[in-house]
Amino acid sequence: MTISTATPSGRLLGPLLRRLEGDEKHARSAYSTLDVLWVLYDRVLRVSPETVDDPDRDRFLLSKGHGPAAYYAVLAAKGFIPETWLDDLAGPESRLGHHPDRMLVPGVEIGSGSLGHGLGLGVGTALGLRAQGLTRPRVYVLLGDAELDEGSNHEAIAYAGATQLASLTAIVIDNQSATHGWPGGIASRFAVNGWSTAEVDGRDHNALERALTAHRPGQPHAVVAVVEPKE
């Protein structure tokens, strides 16, 4: 897998990503998520290898679960999994599949890969935390722009806005690969349903951090991270 070293996360995670062989067709998908994943785990998420079972932890759900090489590399860099696991992607004895499995990979919250499920699961997770009186944890869901073509996402967006699910943040990787798109742009799809929104350069770490932490009381939050087309 060839990964650009033009960004800090690319330089840091490149050696780890090169250890993951056998999923080259999803290399572009992995690279498009790399900076967002790194900023989340390095600067934003309140979770660590020691707190993966803590009820008060933040939750990260990878809805964009096909081609999870960047996700595995970040988990290894942050100590959730051993780096040696990266040398056996999807092998007979490997815990790392072409879709992440929450039963096999420490720190993974959901089994994902079938696009369109993650945001609905995020809504359910946030509702469950609210019902338990856990007000500090936030739920972050990473989606692809083409994944928003799935109708289940529209239901989740509308419901989260209507119920003022303020602990929920959706992050959309916009590489202009969606077939249908949305009039007025991706952010408007969320805003019209009562979400606060931000659109940023998906490679700018400082801008990503500001956007990911710019949520408001009483509103779910959406961040559109724009990367190069077809990346």
C-alpha atoms as a PDB file:
ATOM      1  CA  MET A   1       0.000   0.000   0.000  1.00  0.00           C
ATOM      2  CA  THR A   2       1.459   3.356  -1.058  1.00  0.00           C
ATOM      3  CA  ILE A   3       0.701   6.200   1.353  1.00  0.00           C
ATOM      4  CA  SER A   4       1.653   9.832   0.831  1.00  0.00           C
ATOM      5  CA  THR A   5       3.942  11.379   3.440  1.00  0.00           C
ATOM      6  CA  ALA A   6       2.686  14.898   2.726  1.00  0.00           C
ATOM      7  CA  THR A   7       0.818  15.095   6.045  1.00  0.00           C
ATOM      8  CA  PRO A   8       2.040  14.487   9.630  1.00  0.00           C
ATOM      9  CA  SER A   9      -0.185  11.439  10.018  1.00  0.00           C
ATOM     10  CA  GLY A  10       1.051  10.045   6.700  1.00  0.00           C
ATOM     11  CA  ARG A  11       4.658  10.323   7.849  1.00  0.00           C
ATOM     12  CA  LEU A  12       3.877   8.796  11.234  1.00  0.00           C
ATOM     13  CA  LEU A  13       1.562   6.006  10.122  1.00  0.00           C
ATOM     14  CA  GLY A  14       3.090   5.218   6.727  1.00  0.00           C
ATOM     15  CA  PRO A  15       5.403   2.474   8.065  1.00  0.00           C
ATOM     16  CA  LEU A  16       2.470   0.826   9.852  1.00  0.00           C
ATOM     17  CA  LEU A  17       0.202   1.005   6.816  1.00  0.00           C
ATOM     18  CA  ARG A  18       2.865  -0.563   4.607  1.00  0.00           C
ATOM     19  CA  ARG A  19       2.753  -3.635   6.846  1.00  0.00           C
ATOM     20  CA  LEU A  20      -0.899  -4.210   5.894  1.00  0.00           C
ATOM     21  CA  GLU A  21      -0.859  -6.105   2.615  1.00  0.00           C
ATOM     22  CA  GLY A  22      -3.678  -7.779   0.709  1.00  0.00           C
ATOM     23  CA  ASP A  23      -6.251  -4.973   0.572  1.00  0.00           C
ATOM     24  CA  GLU A  24      -4.713  -2.694  -2.030  1.00  0.00           C
ATOM     25  CA  LYS A  25      -8.059  -2.076  -3.753  1.00  0.00           C
ATOM     26  CA  HIS A  26      -9.153  -0.125  -0.649  1.00  0.00           C
ATOM     27  CA  ALA A  27      -5.920   1.870  -0.310  1.00  0.00           C
ATOM     28  CA  ARG A  28      -7.611   5.090  -1.437  1.00  0.00           C
ATOM     29  CA  SER A  29     -10.409   4.584   1.063  1.00  0.00           C
ATOM     30  CA  ALA A  30      -7.884   4.077   3.853  1.00  0.00           C
ATOM     31  CA  TYR A  31      -5.827   7.116   2.925  1.00  0.00           C
ATOM     32  CA  SER A  32      -8.876   9.379   2.736  1.00  0.00           C
ATOM     33  CA  THR A  33      -9.690   8.638   6.390  1.00  0.00           C
ATOM     34  CA  LEU A  34      -6.150   8.721   7.745  1.00  0.00           C
ATOM     35  CA  ASP A  35      -5.943  12.300   9.032  1.00  0.00           C
ATOM     36  CA  VAL A  36      -9.420  12.329  10.561  1.00  0.00           C
ATOM     37  CA  LEU A  37      -8.742   9.073  12.389  1.00  0.00           C
ATOM     38  CA  TRP A  38      -5.414  10.317  13.706  1.00  0.00           C
ATOM     39  CA  VAL A  39      -6.827  13.630  14.976  1.00  0.00           C
ATOM     40  CA  LEU A  40      -9.690  11.806  16.663  1.00  0.00           C
ATOM     41  CA  TYR A  41      -7.465   9.360  18.510  1.00  0.00           C
ATOM     42  CA  ASP A  42      -4.610  11.761  19.169  1.00  0.00           C
ATOM     43  CA  ARG A  43      -6.533  14.879  20.196  1.00  0.00           C
ATOM     44  CA  VAL A  44     -10.255  14.335  20.664  1.00  0.00           C
ATOM     45  CA  LEU A  45     -11.490  10.934  21.837  1.00  0.00           C
ATOM     46  CA  ARG A  46     -11.545  10.187  25.557  1.00  0.00           C
ATOM     47  CA  VAL A  47     -10.587   6.548  25.206  1.00  0.00           C
ATOM     48  CA  SER A  48      -7.362   4.608  25.655  1.00  0.00           C
ATOM     49  CA  PRO A  49      -6.261   0.963  25.733  1.00  0.00           C
ATOM     50  CA  GLU A  50      -6.879   1.059  29.482  1.00  0.00           C
ATOM     51  CA  THR A  51     -10.432   2.439  29.226  1.00  0.00           C
ATOM     52  CA  VAL A  52     -11.946   0.417  26.346  1.00  0.00           C
ATOM     53  CA  ASP A  53     -14.562  -0.988  28.748  1.00  0.00           C
ATOM     54  CA  ASP A  54     -15.114   2.149  30.841  1.00  0.00           C
ATOM     55  CA  PRO A  55     -18.802   3.187  30.614  1.00  0.00           C
ATOM     56  CA  ASP A  56     -17.700   6.833  30.674  1.00  0.00           C
ATOM     57  CA  ARG A  57     -15.482   6.526  27.583  1.00  0.00           C
ATOM     58  CA  ASP A  58     -16.180   8.226  24.256  1.00  0.00           C
ATOM     59  CA  ARG A  59     -17.354   5.869  21.512  1.00  0.00           C
ATOM     60  CA  PHE A  60     -16.002   5.822  17.964  1.00  0.00           C
ATOM     61  CA  LEU A  61     -17.962   3.933  15.309  1.00  0.00           C
ATOM     62  CA  LEU A  62     -16.375   3.300  11.915  1.00  0.00           C
ATOM     63  CA  SER A  63     -19.390   3.165   9.612  1.00  0.00           C
ATOM     64  CA  LYS A  64     -17.011   3.451   6.628  1.00  0.00           C
ATOM     65  CA  GLY A  65     -15.850  -0.031   7.552  1.00  0.00           C
ATOM     66  CA  HIS A  66     -14.604  -1.390   4.237  1.00  0.00           C
ATOM     67  CA  GLY A  67     -10.877  -1.068   3.811  1.00  0.00           C
ATOM     68  CA  PRO A  68     -10.073  -0.377   7.493  1.00  0.00           C
ATOM     69  CA  ALA A  69      -6.267  -0.349   7.094  1.00  0.00           C
ATOM     70  CA  ALA A  70      -5.907   3.224   8.392  1.00  0.00           C
ATOM     71  CA  TYR A  71      -8.078   2.365  11.397  1.00  0.00           C
ATOM     72  CA  TYR A  72      -5.901  -0.636  12.266  1.00  0.00           C
ATOM     73  CA  ALA A  73      -2.734   1.443  11.859  1.00  0.00           C
ATOM     74  CA  VAL A  74      -4.039   4.118  14.238  1.00  0.00           C
ATOM     75  CA  LEU A  75      -5.145   1.502  16.788  1.00  0.00           C
ATOM     76  CA  ALA A  76      -1.651  -0.009  16.646  1.00  0.00           C
ATOM     77  CA  ALA A  77       0.058   3.383  16.943  1.00  0.00           C
ATOM     78  CA  LYS A  78      -2.025   4.167  20.023  1.00  0.00           C
ATOM     79  CA  GLY A  79      -1.396   0.811  21.695  1.00  0.00           C
ATOM     80  CA  PHE A  80      -4.850  -0.768  21.357  1.00  0.00           C
ATOM     81  CA  ILE A  81      -3.429  -3.668  19.340  1.00  0.00           C
ATOM     82  CA  PRO A  82       0.120  -5.007  18.859  1.00  0.00           C
ATOM     83  CA  GLU A  83       1.904  -3.722  15.758  1.00  0.00           C
ATOM     84  CA  THR A  84       2.736  -7.329  14.825  1.00  0.00           C
ATOM     85  CA  TRP A  85      -0.959  -7.926  14.093  1.00  0.00           C
ATOM     86  CA  LEU A  86      -0.590  -5.665  11.054  1.00  0.00           C
ATOM     87  CA  ASP A  87       1.614  -8.252   9.358  1.00  0.00           C
ATOM     88  CA  ASP A  88      -1.288 -10.690   8.950  1.00  0.00           C
ATOM     89  CA  LEU A  89      -4.322  -8.946   7.482  1.00  0.00           C
ATOM     90  CA  ALA A  90      -7.236 -11.363   7.007  1.00  0.00           C
ATOM     91  CA  GLY A  91      -5.081 -14.458   7.416  1.00  0.00           C
ATOM     92  CA  PRO A  92      -6.497 -17.713   8.848  1.00  0.00           C
ATOM     93  CA  GLU A  93      -5.337 -16.839  12.370  1.00  0.00           C
ATOM     94  CA  SER A  94      -5.623 -13.066  12.065  1.00  0.00           C
ATOM     95  CA  ARG A  95      -7.904 -10.907  14.202  1.00  0.00           C
ATOM     96  CA  LEU A  96      -7.809  -8.189  11.545  1.00  0.00           C
ATOM     97  CA  GLY A  97     -10.393  -8.831   8.850  1.00  0.00           C
ATOM     98  CA  HIS A  98     -11.290  -6.845   5.765  1.00  0.00           C
ATOM     99  CA  HIS A  99     -14.104  -5.499   7.959  1.00  0.00           C
ATOM    100  CA  PRO A 100     -13.343  -4.736  11.635  1.00  0.00           C
ATOM    101  CA  ASP A 101     -14.866  -7.132  14.175  1.00  0.00           C
ATOM    102  CA  ARG A 102     -15.669  -5.807  17.666  1.00  0.00           C
ATOM    103  CA  MET A 103     -15.327  -9.306  19.130  1.00  0.00           C
ATOM    104  CA  LEU A 104     -11.760  -9.682  17.862  1.00  0.00           C
ATOM    105  CA  VAL A 105     -10.149  -6.220  17.878  1.00  0.00           C
ATOM    106  CA  PRO A 106      -9.736  -4.307  21.163  1.00  0.00           C
ATOM    107  CA  GLY A 107     -11.171  -0.803  20.978  1.00  0.00           C
ATOM    108  CA  VAL A 108     -13.529  -1.523  18.066  1.00  0.00           C
ATOM    109  CA  GLU A 109     -17.106  -0.654  19.046  1.00  0.00           C
ATOM    110  CA  ILE A 110     -19.059  -2.190  16.139  1.00  0.00           C
ATOM    111  CA  GLY A 111     -18.598  -4.768  13.418  1.00  0.00           C
ATOM    112  CA  SER A 112     -18.943  -2.740  10.222  1.00  0.00           C
ATOM    113  CA  GLY A 113     -18.522  -2.851   6.481  1.00  0.00           C
ATOM    114  CA  SER A 114     -22.100  -2.980   5.218  1.00  0.00           C
ATOM    115  CA  LEU A 115     -22.480   0.703   4.415  1.00  0.00           C
ATOM    116  CA  GLY A 116     -25.397   2.673   5.803  1.00  0.00           C
ATOM    117  CA  HIS A 117     -25.598   1.059   9.245  1.00  0.00           C
ATOM    118  CA  GLY A 118     -23.149   3.058  11.314  1.00  0.00           C
ATOM    119  CA  LEU A 119     -25.065   6.296  11.849  1.00  0.00           C
ATOM    120  CA  GLY A 120     -28.185   4.463  12.977  1.00  0.00           C
ATOM    121  CA  LEU A 121     -26.043   2.474  15.425  1.00  0.00           C
ATOM    122  CA  GLY A 122     -24.520   5.748  16.603  1.00  0.00           C
ATOM    123  CA  VAL A 123     -27.980   7.170  17.255  1.00  0.00           C
ATOM    124  CA  GLY A 124     -28.885   4.074  19.248  1.00  0.00           C
ATOM    125  CA  THR A 125     -25.637   4.242  21.225  1.00  0.00           C
ATOM    126  CA  ALA A 126     -26.169   7.902  22.088  1.00  0.00           C
ATOM    127  CA  LEU A 127     -29.764   7.207  23.124  1.00  0.00           C
ATOM    128  CA  GLY A 128     -28.602   4.323  25.322  1.00  0.00           C
ATOM    129  CA  LEU A 129     -26.042   6.524  27.052  1.00  0.00           C
ATOM    130  CA  ARG A 130     -28.688   9.205  27.596  1.00  0.00           C
ATOM    131  CA  ALA A 131     -31.073   6.635  29.106  1.00  0.00           C
ATOM    132  CA  GLN A 132     -28.363   5.555  31.549  1.00  0.00           C
ATOM    133  CA  GLY A 133     -27.715   9.128  32.636  1.00  0.00           C
ATOM    134  CA  LEU A 134     -24.199   9.086  31.133  1.00  0.00           C
ATOM    135  CA  THR A 135     -23.905  12.673  29.936  1.00  0.00           C
ATOM    136  CA  ARG A 136     -20.145  12.999  29.446  1.00  0.00           C
ATOM    137  CA  PRO A 137     -19.405  10.396  26.720  1.00  0.00           C
ATOM    138  CA  ARG A 138     -19.671  11.496  23.102  1.00  0.00           C
ATOM    139  CA  VAL A 139     -20.380   9.231  20.136  1.00  0.00           C
ATOM    140  CA  TYR A 140     -18.432   9.846  16.915  1.00  0.00           C
ATOM    141  CA  VAL A 141     -19.402   8.120  13.661  1.00  0.00           C
ATOM    142  CA  LEU A 142     -17.176   8.206  10.562  1.00  0.00           C
ATOM    143  CA  LEU A 143     -18.995   7.901   7.216  1.00  0.00           C
ATOM    144  CA  GLY A 144     -18.170   8.208   3.522  1.00  0.00           C
ATOM    145  CA  ASP A 145     -19.976  10.683   1.295  1.00  0.00           C
ATOM    146  CA  ALA A 146     -21.241   7.920  -1.028  1.00  0.00           C
ATOM    147  CA  GLU A 147     -22.539   6.058   2.002  1.00  0.00           C
ATOM    148  CA  LEU A 148     -25.024   8.885   2.560  1.00  0.00           C
ATOM    149  CA  ASP A 149     -26.863   7.636  -0.544  1.00  0.00           C
ATOM    150  CA  GLU A 150     -28.200   4.853   1.701  1.00  0.00           C
ATOM    151  CA  GLY A 151     -31.705   5.736   2.919  1.00  0.00           C
ATOM    152  CA  SER A 152     -31.082   4.535   6.471  1.00  0.00           C
ATOM    153  CA  ASN A 153     -28.799   7.528   6.968  1.00  0.00           C
ATOM    154  CA  HIS A 154     -31.599   9.974   6.182  1.00  0.00           C
ATOM    155  CA  GLU A 155     -33.732   8.423   8.917  1.00  0.00           C
ATOM    156  CA  ALA A 156     -30.862   8.628  11.404  1.00  0.00           C
ATOM    157  CA  ILE A 157     -30.106  12.265  10.517  1.00  0.00           C
ATOM    158  CA  ALA A 158     -33.758  13.281  10.885  1.00  0.00           C
ATOM    159  CA  TYR A 159     -34.256  11.392  14.153  1.00  0.00           C
ATOM    160  CA  ALA A 160     -31.080  12.694  15.808  1.00  0.00           C
ATOM    161  CA  GLY A 161     -32.028  16.269  14.978  1.00  0.00           C
ATOM    162  CA  ALA A 162     -35.606  15.879  16.161  1.00  0.00           C
ATOM    163  CA  THR A 163     -34.501  14.405  19.496  1.00  0.00           C
ATOM    164  CA  GLN A 164     -31.679  16.945  19.988  1.00  0.00           C
ATOM    165  CA  LEU A 165     -29.138  14.161  20.370  1.00  0.00           C
ATOM    166  CA  ALA A 166     -26.320  16.489  21.349  1.00  0.00           C
ATOM    167  CA  SER A 167     -23.787  13.781  22.260  1.00  0.00           C
ATOM    168  CA  LEU A 168     -23.611  12.580  18.642  1.00  0.00           C
ATOM    169  CA  THR A 169     -21.057  13.739  16.051  1.00  0.00           C
ATOM    170  CA  ALA A 170     -21.083  12.512  12.452  1.00  0.00           C
ATOM    171  CA  ILE A 171     -17.907  12.916  10.399  1.00  0.00           C
ATOM    172  CA  VAL A 172     -18.342  12.624   6.635  1.00  0.00           C
ATOM    173  CA  ILE A 173     -15.297  12.066   4.406  1.00  0.00           C
ATOM    174  CA  ASP A 174     -16.142  14.028   1.258  1.00  0.00           C
ATOM    175  CA  ASN A 175     -14.027  12.871  -1.681  1.00  0.00           C
ATOM    176  CA  GLN A 176     -16.833  13.625  -4.145  1.00  0.00           C
ATOM    177  CA  SER A 177     -17.525   9.959  -4.810  1.00  0.00           C
ATOM    178  CA  ALA A 178     -21.270  10.022  -4.092  1.00  0.00           C
ATOM    179  CA  THR A 179     -23.567   9.138  -6.977  1.00  0.00           C
ATOM    180  CA  HIS A 180     -26.453  11.372  -5.910  1.00  0.00           C
ATOM    181  CA  GLY A 181     -25.066  14.048  -3.599  1.00  0.00           C
ATOM    182  CA  TRP A 182     -27.321  16.588  -1.903  1.00  0.00           C
ATOM    183  CA  PRO A 183     -28.658  19.985  -3.037  1.00  0.00           C
ATOM    184  CA  GLY A 184     -26.621  22.700  -1.353  1.00  0.00           C
ATOM    185  CA  GLY A 185     -23.890  20.295  -0.262  1.00  0.00           C
ATOM    186  CA  ILE A 186     -23.508  17.614   2.396  1.00  0.00           C
ATOM    187  CA  ALA A 187     -23.553  19.965   5.386  1.00  0.00           C
ATOM    188  CA  SER A 188     -26.947  21.345   4.377  1.00  0.00           C
ATOM    189  CA  ARG A 189     -28.426  17.855   4.580  1.00  0.00           C
ATOM    190  CA  PHE A 190     -27.640  17.841   8.296  1.00  0.00           C
ATOM    191  CA  ALA A 191     -28.361  21.515   8.983  1.00  0.00           C
ATOM    192  CA  VAL A 192     -31.913  21.323   7.633  1.00  0.00           C
ATOM    193  CA  ASN A 193     -32.563  18.603  10.213  1.00  0.00           C
ATOM    194  CA  GLY A 194     -31.350  20.637  13.172  1.00  0.00           C
ATOM    195  CA  TRP A 195     -27.662  19.695  13.314  1.00  0.00           C
ATOM    196  CA  SER A 196     -24.800  22.123  13.837  1.00  0.00           C
ATOM    197  CA  THR A 197     -22.273  21.729  11.017  1.00  0.00           C
ATOM    198  CA  ALA A 198     -18.690  22.486  10.003  1.00  0.00           C
ATOM    199  CA  GLU A 199     -16.853  21.923   6.722  1.00  0.00           C
ATOM    200  CA  VAL A 200     -13.059  21.695   6.795  1.00  0.00           C
ATOM    201  CA  ASP A 201      -9.975  20.599   4.888  1.00  0.00           C
ATOM    202  CA  GLY A 202      -9.727  16.889   5.706  1.00  0.00           C
ATOM    203  CA  ARG A 203      -5.915  17.104   5.850  1.00  0.00           C
ATOM    204  CA  ASP A 204      -5.613  20.124   8.199  1.00  0.00           C
ATOM    205  CA  HIS A 205      -5.178  18.689  11.683  1.00  0.00           C
ATOM    206  CA  ASN A 206      -5.791  21.923  13.572  1.00  0.00           C
ATOM    207  CA  ALA A 207      -8.920  22.692  11.562  1.00  0.00           C
ATOM    208  CA  LEU A 208     -10.171  19.151  12.099  1.00  0.00           C
ATOM    209  CA  GLU A 209      -9.648  19.408  15.851  1.00  0.00           C
ATOM    210  CA  ARG A 210     -11.539  22.708  16.021  1.00  0.00           C
ATOM    211  CA  ALA A 211     -14.406  21.331  13.952  1.00  0.00           C
ATOM    212  CA  LEU A 212     -14.660  18.072  15.883  1.00  0.00           C
ATOM    213  CA  THR A 213     -14.923  19.916  19.191  1.00  0.00           C
ATOM    214  CA  ALA A 214     -17.292  22.685  18.009  1.00  0.00           C
ATOM    215  CA  HIS A 215     -20.492  20.878  19.004  1.00  0.00           C
ATOM    216  CA  ARG A 216     -23.270  22.910  20.622  1.00  0.00           C
ATOM    217  CA  PRO A 217     -25.741  22.164  23.432  1.00  0.00           C
ATOM    218  CA  GLY A 218     -29.020  20.704  22.222  1.00  0.00           C
ATOM    219  CA  GLN A 219     -27.835  19.776  18.718  1.00  0.00           C
ATOM    220  CA  PRO A 220     -26.083  16.811  17.120  1.00  0.00           C
ATOM    221  CA  HIS A 221     -22.989  17.898  15.210  1.00  0.00           C
ATOM    222  CA  ALA A 222     -21.746  17.078  11.700  1.00  0.00           C
ATOM    223  CA  VAL A 223     -18.241  17.638  10.327  1.00  0.00           C
ATOM    224  CA  VAL A 224     -17.644  17.392   6.579  1.00  0.00           C
ATOM    225  CA  ALA A 225     -13.954  16.647   5.950  1.00  0.00           C
ATOM    226  CA  VAL A 226     -13.116  17.456   2.332  1.00  0.00           C
ATOM    227  CA  VAL A 227     -10.277  15.526   0.673  1.00  0.00           C
ATOM    228  CA  GLU A 228      -9.112  15.320  -2.918  1.00  0.00           C
ATOM    229  CA  PRO A 229     -11.715  13.950  -5.351  1.00  0.00           C
ATOM    230  CA  LYS A 230     -11.698  10.169  -5.807  1.00  0.00           C
ATOM    231  CA  GLU A 231      -8.976   9.841  -3.176  1.00  0.00           C
END
